Amino acid sequence: MTATTSTGPVLRTNWSQVLLTYLAGVLAAAALGKIGPVFGPIQSDLGLSLSAVGWAASAMTGIAAVLGLVGGVWTDRLGDRRSLLVGLVLLAVTGAAGSLAWDATSLLASRLFEGAGYLLVVVAAPALIMRLTAGADRVTALSLWGTFIPVGLAVGSGAGGVAAGSGWRFWFLLLGAGVAAVAALAAVRLPGPGRYADRAGPVDGGADLPVGKSDGHTGVPAARPRIRAAVLVRVLALSAGFGAVSMISVAVLTLLPTFLSTDTGLGSSTAGLAVALVSLVSVPGGILAGWLLRRLAGIPVLGPLALTMPVLALGIFSGARSPALAIGAAAGLLFVNGILVAVAFATVPQVVDGADQLGMGNGLLVQLGSCGSLLGPPLFAGTVDRFGWGPVPVVVGVAAVLGLALFLIAHRSPAPRR
């Protein structure tokens, strides 16, 4: 929906379109974690080792870690809506095809293709959200987008656990059908690239992104200027800071079940449930960040919250070895993580020169965030193996300080052209 001002048409947010785009991301994240609830049945049915199923589980993240920037550049060229649809179709088809896997190779191959679909969805979706919104609405929508992974993983774990009673192959087909349904709805409901390409500005006085004249095919400027060095520095700093924050949260969630079971005496099933609930605490953190970002200055105000993460890690991994203390501190850490993730996604429009660079910015953010998610668990686990749980808060502190420093570099580097 648009309104008219003296300067031309002004975009008003269609929240149903924003929420549909968010749902696409949630289902992509559900596919990311769909092996977890059926890990044992897959191993037993296909006769695989634990490591083989583990590689299949992490293959999608690996694709994002290696090809995030490529996916972003490709999205800039193809257009956000078209990239989102291609990604959803890939997720649906290859995800369902995974139900036909007969060995480790076929399962891994299906997961790699799913990873390509996942990458396209999570890079294109925030770019599409940015095009569908303006000003303060954009900040709110991007903060909501920052919660898609924990919500998707929770959906995948819950639905997968229920569907697993009918077999893992049925679960894969069911999720693929759900993604296909969202793809069909998105093809009908989401606007084409030219719909809002020439909007005059925001409805509420917030900053908007410059958009060049559409080339009629991709919805991005026909002449794509080179990315300025200052912009690249800002995007790299923001993305690397996001990777450091992701390293902390994923590593803590990975190690927490073991710590709760071995050092606090909590039963393994209870520990698993506690970790699942803790992971969802980042969702209200992201929602709060959306409210705060509409009223505060962003990174300079919210970025320093990263320094609370080592203190919270100290409460988790040392001291009284109390389950309640560990779970409460972990919930606090994931709450802060939700805020910082929202800040990272909401800052992308501020560090690029225009809408034609959103895919590149989002792609690099996803790539380095995925790198952090991949590196965090082995780095922290290696620390525990060698030195015990005590030094973990120190490692968290180093990563938190690094993340904050990189966020501040992104904020303080020369501003992009407007």
Protein backbone atom coordinates (compact mmCIF):
# COMPACT_ATOMS: atom_id res chain seq x y z
CA MET A 1 0.00 0.00 0.00
CA THR A 2 1.29 3.48 -0.83
CA ALA A 3 0.38 7.04 0.01
CA THR A 4 1.08 10.16 -2.04
CA THR A 5 3.08 13.16 -0.92
CA SER A 6 4.35 16.25 -2.72
CA THR A 7 7.48 14.32 -3.57
CA GLY A 8 5.74 11.21 -4.91
CA PRO A 9 4.56 7.83 -3.67
CA VAL A 10 5.59 6.77 -0.18
CA LEU A 11 5.73 3.16 0.95
CA ARG A 12 3.50 2.04 3.81
CA THR A 13 4.34 -1.29 5.32
CA ASN A 14 2.18 -4.27 4.41
CA TRP A 15 2.81 -6.39 7.47
CA SER A 16 1.20 -9.49 5.98
CA GLN A 17 3.91 -9.49 3.31
CA VAL A 18 6.62 -8.93 5.91
CA LEU A 19 5.30 -11.79 8.06
CA LEU A 20 5.10 -14.09 5.04
CA THR A 21 8.76 -13.34 4.30
CA TYR A 22 9.59 -14.00 7.95
CA LEU A 23 7.73 -17.33 7.77
CA ALA A 24 9.91 -18.31 4.82
CA GLY A 25 12.98 -17.72 7.00
CA VAL A 26 11.48 -19.67 9.92
CA LEU A 27 10.86 -22.72 7.71
CA ALA A 28 14.37 -22.43 6.27
CA ALA A 29 15.73 -22.51 9.84
CA ALA A 30 13.44 -25.47 10.61
CA ALA A 31 15.05 -27.29 7.68
CA LEU A 32 18.46 -26.34 9.09
CA GLY A 33 17.69 -28.23 12.30
CA LYS A 34 15.40 -30.95 10.97
CA ILE A 35 17.89 -33.78 11.51
CA GLY A 36 18.16 -33.19 15.26
CA PRO A 37 14.80 -34.72 16.25
CA VAL A 38 15.38 -37.80 14.06
CA PHE A 39 19.14 -38.18 14.51
CA GLY A 40 18.89 -41.67 16.02
CA PRO A 41 16.38 -43.11 13.54
CA ILE A 42 18.43 -41.88 10.57
CA GLN A 43 21.59 -43.42 12.01
CA SER A 44 19.84 -46.72 12.65
CA ASP A 45 17.92 -46.91 9.36
CA LEU A 46 20.85 -46.03 7.11
CA GLY A 47 23.52 -47.72 9.23
CA LEU A 48 25.57 -44.54 9.57
CA SER A 49 28.16 -43.48 12.10
CA LEU A 50 27.49 -40.61 14.48
CA SER A 51 29.97 -38.42 12.61
CA ALA A 52 28.30 -39.11 9.25
CA VAL A 53 24.92 -37.96 10.53
CA GLY A 54 26.63 -35.02 12.23
CA TRP A 55 28.18 -33.90 8.94
CA ALA A 56 24.77 -34.13 7.28
CA ALA A 57 23.27 -32.04 10.08
CA SER A 58 25.86 -29.26 9.71
CA ALA A 59 26.21 -29.32 5.91
CA MET A 60 23.65 -26.53 5.39
CA THR A 61 25.52 -24.18 7.72
CA GLY A 62 28.74 -25.06 5.91
CA ILE A 63 27.29 -23.90 2.59
CA ALA A 64 26.36 -20.55 4.14
CA ALA A 65 29.82 -20.24 5.68
CA VAL A 66 31.56 -20.82 2.35
CA LEU A 67 29.22 -19.19 -0.17
CA GLY A 68 27.43 -16.43 1.76
CA LEU A 69 28.99 -13.56 -0.18
CA VAL A 70 28.43 -15.34 -3.51
CA GLY A 71 24.79 -15.81 -2.60
CA GLY A 72 24.52 -12.15 -1.70
CA VAL A 73 25.98 -10.93 -4.98
CA TRP A 74 23.77 -13.35 -6.90
CA THR A 75 20.72 -12.06 -5.02
CA ASP A 76 21.64 -8.48 -5.91
CA ARG A 77 21.70 -9.48 -9.57
CA LEU A 78 18.66 -11.75 -9.66
CA GLY A 79 16.45 -9.67 -7.35
CA ASP A 80 15.22 -10.33 -3.83
CA ARG A 81 11.78 -11.77 -4.63
CA ARG A 82 13.05 -14.10 -7.34
CA SER A 83 15.96 -15.27 -5.18
CA LEU A 84 13.60 -15.98 -2.28
CA LEU A 85 11.33 -18.05 -4.51
CA VAL A 86 14.23 -19.99 -6.03
CA GLY A 87 15.57 -20.68 -2.54
CA LEU A 88 12.19 -21.91 -1.28
CA VAL A 89 11.75 -24.20 -4.27
CA LEU A 90 15.24 -25.62 -3.74
CA LEU A 91 14.49 -26.20 -0.06
CA ALA A 92 11.17 -27.88 -0.83
CA VAL A 93 12.39 -30.15 -3.63
CA THR A 94 15.74 -31.19 -2.24
CA GLY A 95 14.39 -31.42 1.31
CA ALA A 96 11.69 -33.82 0.18
CA ALA A 97 14.21 -35.69 -1.99
CA GLY A 98 16.27 -36.28 1.16
CA SER A 99 13.53 -38.68 2.27
CA LEU A 100 14.77 -41.02 -0.46
CA ALA A 101 18.36 -41.10 0.85
CA TRP A 102 19.84 -44.59 1.04
CA ASP A 103 23.34 -43.89 2.36
CA ALA A 104 25.60 -41.19 3.75
CA THR A 105 26.50 -39.77 0.34
CA SER A 106 22.92 -39.31 -0.86
CA LEU A 107 21.89 -37.79 2.46
CA LEU A 108 24.82 -35.38 2.43
CA ALA A 109 24.15 -34.41 -1.21
CA SER A 110 20.53 -33.54 -0.44
CA ARG A 111 21.64 -31.44 2.53
CA LEU A 112 24.17 -29.53 0.44
CA PHE A 113 21.48 -28.57 -2.09
CA GLU A 114 19.20 -27.66 0.81
CA GLY A 115 22.02 -25.45 2.05
CA ALA A 116 21.99 -23.55 -1.24
CA GLY A 117 18.25 -22.99 -0.86
CA TYR A 118 18.68 -21.94 2.77
CA LEU A 119 21.37 -19.45 1.79
CA LEU A 120 19.22 -17.82 -0.89
CA VAL A 121 16.25 -17.50 1.48
CA VAL A 122 18.17 -16.00 4.40
CA VAL A 123 20.03 -13.53 2.16
CA ALA A 124 17.04 -12.49 0.04
CA ALA A 125 14.47 -12.28 2.85
CA PRO A 126 15.99 -9.35 4.78
CA ALA A 127 16.63 -7.50 1.51
CA LEU A 128 12.97 -8.00 0.61
CA ILE A 129 11.89 -6.87 4.08
CA MET A 130 13.96 -3.72 3.64
CA ARG A 131 12.21 -3.04 0.33
CA LEU A 132 8.78 -3.59 1.87
CA THR A 133 9.38 -1.22 4.79
CA ALA A 134 10.70 2.22 5.57
CA GLY A 135 11.93 4.22 8.54
CA ALA A 136 10.97 2.91 11.98
CA ASP A 137 8.91 0.08 10.48
CA ARG A 138 12.07 -1.23 8.84
CA VAL A 139 13.91 -1.33 12.16
CA THR A 140 11.04 -3.25 13.77
CA ALA A 141 10.79 -5.70 10.87
CA LEU A 142 14.53 -6.37 10.76
CA SER A 143 14.62 -6.90 14.51
CA LEU A 144 11.84 -9.46 14.11
CA TRP A 145 13.80 -11.06 11.27
CA GLY A 146 16.76 -11.50 13.61
CA THR A 147 14.71 -14.05 15.59
CA PHE A 148 14.06 -16.41 12.68
CA ILE A 149 16.75 -18.96 13.58
CA PRO A 150 15.72 -19.74 17.19
CA VAL A 151 12.04 -19.72 16.22
CA GLY A 152 12.72 -21.97 13.22
CA LEU A 153 14.85 -24.37 15.23
CA ALA A 154 12.11 -24.55 17.88
CA VAL A 155 9.49 -25.22 15.20
CA GLY A 156 11.68 -27.88 13.64
CA SER A 157 12.41 -29.56 16.95
CA GLY A 158 8.78 -29.55 18.04
CA ALA A 159 7.21 -30.57 14.75
CA GLY A 160 10.01 -33.03 14.02
CA GLY A 161 9.59 -34.66 17.39
CA VAL A 162 5.87 -35.18 16.75
CA ALA A 163 6.28 -36.28 13.13
CA ALA A 164 9.14 -38.65 14.01
CA GLY A 165 6.53 -41.14 15.22
CA SER A 166 5.68 -41.74 11.56
CA GLY A 167 9.34 -42.02 10.55
CA TRP A 168 12.07 -39.62 9.54
CA ARG A 169 11.23 -39.94 5.85
CA PHE A 170 7.68 -38.76 6.52
CA TRP A 171 9.07 -35.81 8.52
CA PHE A 172 11.31 -34.76 5.61
CA LEU A 173 8.35 -34.96 3.17
CA LEU A 174 6.07 -33.05 5.54
CA LEU A 175 8.52 -30.18 5.98
CA GLY A 176 9.17 -30.08 2.22
CA ALA A 177 5.44 -29.81 1.59
CA GLY A 178 5.20 -26.96 4.09
CA VAL A 179 8.01 -25.06 2.38
CA ALA A 180 6.38 -25.65 -1.01
CA ALA A 181 3.09 -24.21 0.29
CA VAL A 182 4.87 -21.07 1.52
CA ALA A 183 6.68 -20.77 -1.84
CA ALA A 184 3.34 -20.88 -3.68
CA LEU A 185 1.85 -18.27 -1.37
CA ALA A 186 4.94 -16.06 -1.70
CA ALA A 187 4.75 -16.24 -5.50
CA VAL A 188 1.21 -14.83 -5.33
CA ARG A 189 1.48 -12.39 -2.43
CA LEU A 190 4.96 -10.84 -2.55
CA PRO A 191 5.37 -7.81 -4.83
CA GLY A 192 7.65 -7.77 -7.85
CA PRO A 193 10.88 -5.76 -7.89
CA GLY A 194 9.47 -2.67 -9.57
CA ARG A 195 6.60 -2.26 -7.12
CA TYR A 196 8.43 -0.01 -4.69
CA ALA A 197 11.61 0.70 -6.65
CA ASP A 198 10.97 4.43 -7.10
CA ARG A 199 9.48 5.36 -3.73
CA ALA A 200 10.19 8.90 -2.62
CA GLY A 201 10.99 8.28 1.00
CA PRO A 202 9.78 6.98 4.33
CA VAL A 203 6.39 7.70 5.89
CA ASP A 204 7.73 8.50 9.34
CA GLY A 205 10.83 10.57 8.85
CA GLY A 206 13.25 7.64 9.21
CA ALA A 207 16.19 7.17 6.89
CA ASP A 208 15.51 5.36 3.65
CA LEU A 209 17.73 3.66 1.12
CA PRO A 210 18.45 5.18 -2.28
CA VAL A 211 17.27 2.98 -5.12
CA GLY A 212 18.42 3.44 -8.67
CA LYS A 213 16.26 3.24 -11.77
CA SER A 214 15.08 -0.33 -12.21
CA ASP A 215 16.36 -2.25 -15.19
CA GLY A 216 12.97 -3.96 -15.44
CA HIS A 217 14.42 -7.40 -14.76
CA THR A 218 15.99 -7.65 -11.34
CA GLY A 219 14.72 -4.54 -9.63
CA VAL A 220 18.22 -3.19 -9.01
CA PRO A 221 19.93 -0.36 -10.86
CA ALA A 222 20.93 -1.23 -14.42
CA ALA A 223 24.37 0.32 -13.80
CA ARG A 224 25.88 -1.24 -10.70
CA PRO A 225 28.63 0.98 -9.29
CA ARG A 226 31.64 -0.52 -7.63
CA ILE A 227 31.44 -0.99 -3.90
CA ARG A 228 33.47 1.72 -2.20
CA ALA A 229 36.31 0.65 0.08
CA ALA A 230 34.73 2.48 3.05
CA VAL A 231 31.49 0.52 2.57
CA LEU A 232 33.36 -2.77 2.32
CA VAL A 233 35.20 -2.01 5.57
CA ARG A 234 31.93 -1.28 7.34
CA VAL A 235 30.21 -4.41 6.04
CA LEU A 236 33.20 -6.61 6.89
CA ALA A 237 33.45 -5.17 10.40
CA LEU A 238 29.73 -5.58 11.04
CA SER A 239 29.74 -9.14 9.68
CA ALA A 240 32.85 -10.20 11.61
CA GLY A 241 31.37 -8.74 14.80
CA PHE A 242 28.20 -10.73 14.14
CA GLY A 243 30.37 -13.83 13.65
CA ALA A 244 32.01 -13.30 17.06
CA VAL A 245 28.62 -12.98 18.76
CA SER A 246 27.32 -16.05 16.93
CA MET A 247 30.38 -18.01 18.02
CA ILE A 248 29.54 -17.34 21.68
CA SER A 249 25.85 -18.19 21.56
CA VAL A 250 26.14 -21.36 19.48
CA ALA A 251 29.08 -22.65 21.51
CA VAL A 252 27.28 -22.03 24.82
CA LEU A 253 24.15 -23.80 23.59
CA THR A 254 26.28 -26.71 22.34
CA LEU A 255 28.20 -27.14 25.60
CA LEU A 256 25.38 -26.38 28.03
CA PRO A 257 23.64 -29.82 27.94
CA THR A 258 26.92 -31.57 28.75
CA PHE A 259 27.75 -29.13 31.52
CA LEU A 260 24.30 -29.44 33.09
CA SER A 261 24.46 -33.23 32.99
CA THR A 262 28.05 -33.75 34.13
CA ASP A 263 28.67 -30.86 36.51
CA THR A 264 25.30 -29.92 38.01
CA GLY A 265 23.68 -33.35 38.26
CA LEU A 266 20.74 -32.52 36.00
CA GLY A 267 19.27 -35.43 34.02
CA SER A 268 20.03 -35.49 30.31
CA SER A 269 16.38 -35.16 29.23
CA THR A 270 15.80 -32.26 31.63
CA ALA A 271 19.02 -30.62 30.46
CA GLY A 272 17.91 -30.93 26.83
CA LEU A 273 14.55 -29.32 27.58
CA ALA A 274 16.22 -26.52 29.52
CA VAL A 275 18.57 -25.75 26.62
CA ALA A 276 15.66 -25.71 24.15
CA LEU A 277 13.84 -23.16 26.31
CA VAL A 278 16.99 -21.11 26.82
CA SER A 279 17.54 -20.86 23.07
CA LEU A 280 14.12 -19.23 22.67
CA VAL A 281 15.00 -16.43 25.09
CA SER A 282 16.82 -14.68 22.24
CA VAL A 283 13.40 -14.06 20.64
CA PRO A 284 12.17 -11.53 23.26
CA GLY A 285 15.68 -10.05 23.13
CA GLY A 286 15.25 -9.38 19.42
CA ILE A 287 11.78 -7.95 19.93
CA LEU A 288 13.04 -5.64 22.68
CA ALA A 289 15.88 -4.57 20.40
CA GLY A 290 13.35 -3.50 17.77
CA TRP A 291 11.65 -1.25 20.31
CA LEU A 292 14.96 0.15 21.57
CA LEU A 293 16.39 0.74 18.09
CA ARG A 294 13.45 2.96 17.25
CA ARG A 295 14.33 5.18 20.22
CA LEU A 296 18.10 4.90 20.71
CA ALA A 297 21.22 5.29 18.62
CA GLY A 298 21.84 1.63 17.85
CA ILE A 299 25.38 0.24 18.11
CA PRO A 300 26.85 2.87 20.50
CA VAL A 301 24.07 2.23 23.03
CA LEU A 302 23.28 -1.47 22.56
CA GLY A 303 26.67 -2.80 21.38
CA PRO A 304 28.30 -2.57 24.84
CA LEU A 305 25.80 -5.15 26.09
CA ALA A 306 28.27 -7.65 24.60
CA LEU A 307 30.45 -7.03 27.65
CA THR A 308 27.82 -8.66 29.88
CA MET A 309 28.29 -11.98 28.07
CA PRO A 310 31.53 -13.05 29.84
CA VAL A 311 29.97 -12.15 33.20
CA LEU A 312 26.96 -14.31 32.38
CA ALA A 313 29.27 -17.08 31.14
CA LEU A 314 31.01 -16.94 34.53
CA GLY A 315 27.64 -17.58 36.13
CA ILE A 316 27.10 -20.58 33.87
CA PHE A 317 30.42 -22.40 33.94
CA SER A 318 31.94 -21.66 37.31
CA GLY A 319 31.03 -20.98 40.90
CA ALA A 320 28.32 -22.95 42.67
CA ARG A 321 27.61 -25.45 39.87
CA SER A 322 23.93 -24.75 40.45
CA PRO A 323 21.49 -25.83 37.68
CA ALA A 324 19.23 -22.86 38.40
CA LEU A 325 22.15 -20.41 38.26
CA ALA A 326 23.55 -21.94 35.07
CA ILE A 327 20.18 -21.97 33.29
CA GLY A 328 19.32 -18.44 34.44
CA ALA A 329 22.69 -17.05 33.36
CA ALA A 330 22.42 -18.87 30.02
CA ALA A 331 18.98 -17.36 29.49
CA GLY A 332 20.47 -13.91 30.16
CA LEU A 333 23.28 -14.54 27.69
CA LEU A 334 20.87 -15.65 24.95
CA PHE A 335 18.68 -12.62 25.67
CA VAL A 336 21.66 -10.34 25.07
CA ASN A 337 22.52 -12.38 21.98
CA GLY A 338 19.02 -11.74 20.61
CA ILE A 339 19.51 -8.00 21.03
CA LEU A 340 22.91 -8.02 19.31
CA VAL A 341 21.67 -10.15 16.41
CA ALA A 342 18.81 -7.70 15.84
CA VAL A 343 21.28 -4.79 15.95
CA ALA A 344 23.44 -6.49 13.29
CA PHE A 345 20.57 -7.08 10.85
CA ALA A 346 19.09 -3.62 11.43
CA THR A 347 22.47 -1.98 10.80
CA VAL A 348 23.00 -3.45 7.31
CA PRO A 349 21.02 -0.66 5.55
CA GLN A 350 23.17 1.92 7.33
CA VAL A 351 26.50 0.56 6.13
CA VAL A 352 25.78 0.14 2.41
CA ASP A 353 25.44 2.80 -0.27
CA GLY A 354 22.08 1.72 -1.60
CA ALA A 355 19.48 -1.00 -2.10
CA ASP A 356 21.55 -2.59 -4.87
CA GLN A 357 24.14 -3.58 -2.22
CA LEU A 358 21.73 -5.12 0.31
CA GLY A 359 22.27 -8.66 -0.96
CA MET A 360 26.02 -8.28 -0.69
CA GLY A 361 25.70 -6.92 2.85
CA ASN A 362 23.30 -9.62 3.98
CA GLY A 363 25.32 -12.34 2.26
CA LEU A 364 28.52 -11.37 4.04
CA LEU A 365 26.64 -11.09 7.34
CA VAL A 366 25.24 -14.61 6.90
CA GLN A 367 28.61 -15.98 5.77
CA LEU A 368 30.67 -14.70 8.69
CA GLY A 369 27.87 -15.46 11.13
CA SER A 370 27.86 -19.04 9.87
CA CYS A 371 31.65 -19.18 10.18
CA GLY A 372 31.30 -18.18 13.81
CA SER A 373 28.64 -20.85 14.35
CA LEU A 374 30.93 -23.49 12.84
CA LEU A 375 34.09 -22.45 14.67
CA GLY A 376 32.57 -21.78 18.08
CA PRO A 377 31.72 -25.32 19.26
CA PRO A 378 35.09 -26.92 18.42
CA LEU A 379 37.03 -23.94 19.80
CA PHE A 380 35.14 -23.93 23.10
CA ALA A 381 35.06 -27.73 23.35
CA GLY A 382 38.83 -27.83 22.79
CA THR A 383 39.27 -25.32 25.60
CA VAL A 384 37.20 -27.50 27.94
CA ASP A 385 39.10 -30.65 26.94
CA ARG A 386 42.45 -29.03 27.65
CA PHE A 387 41.74 -26.72 30.60
CA GLY A 388 38.32 -27.58 31.99
CA TRP A 389 35.27 -25.34 32.30
CA GLY A 390 36.99 -22.51 34.19
CA PRO A 391 38.59 -20.69 31.20
CA VAL A 392 35.38 -20.70 29.13
CA PRO A 393 34.27 -17.24 30.40
CA VAL A 394 37.69 -15.90 29.38
CA VAL A 395 37.20 -17.16 25.81
CA VAL A 396 33.70 -15.65 25.83
CA GLY A 397 35.21 -12.37 27.02
CA VAL A 398 37.76 -12.27 24.20
CA ALA A 399 35.07 -12.97 21.60
CA ALA A 400 32.70 -10.39 23.15
CA VAL A 401 35.34 -7.64 23.20
CA LEU A 402 36.29 -8.47 19.62
CA GLY A 403 32.64 -8.38 18.55
CA LEU A 404 32.04 -5.02 20.23
CA ALA A 405 35.21 -3.52 18.72
CA LEU A 406 34.16 -4.65 15.24
CA PHE A 407 30.63 -3.30 15.70
CA LEU A 408 32.08 0.07 16.70
CA ILE A 409 34.37 0.08 13.67
CA ALA A 410 31.31 -0.48 11.47
CA HIS A 411 29.57 2.42 13.18
CA ARG A 412 32.47 4.86 13.16
CA SER A 413 33.87 4.23 9.67
CA PRO A 414 33.17 6.91 7.06
CA ALA A 415 29.45 7.05 6.31
CA PRO A 416 28.22 5.73 2.98
CA ARG A 417 26.96 8.09 0.29
CA ARG A 418 23.28 8.92 0.29
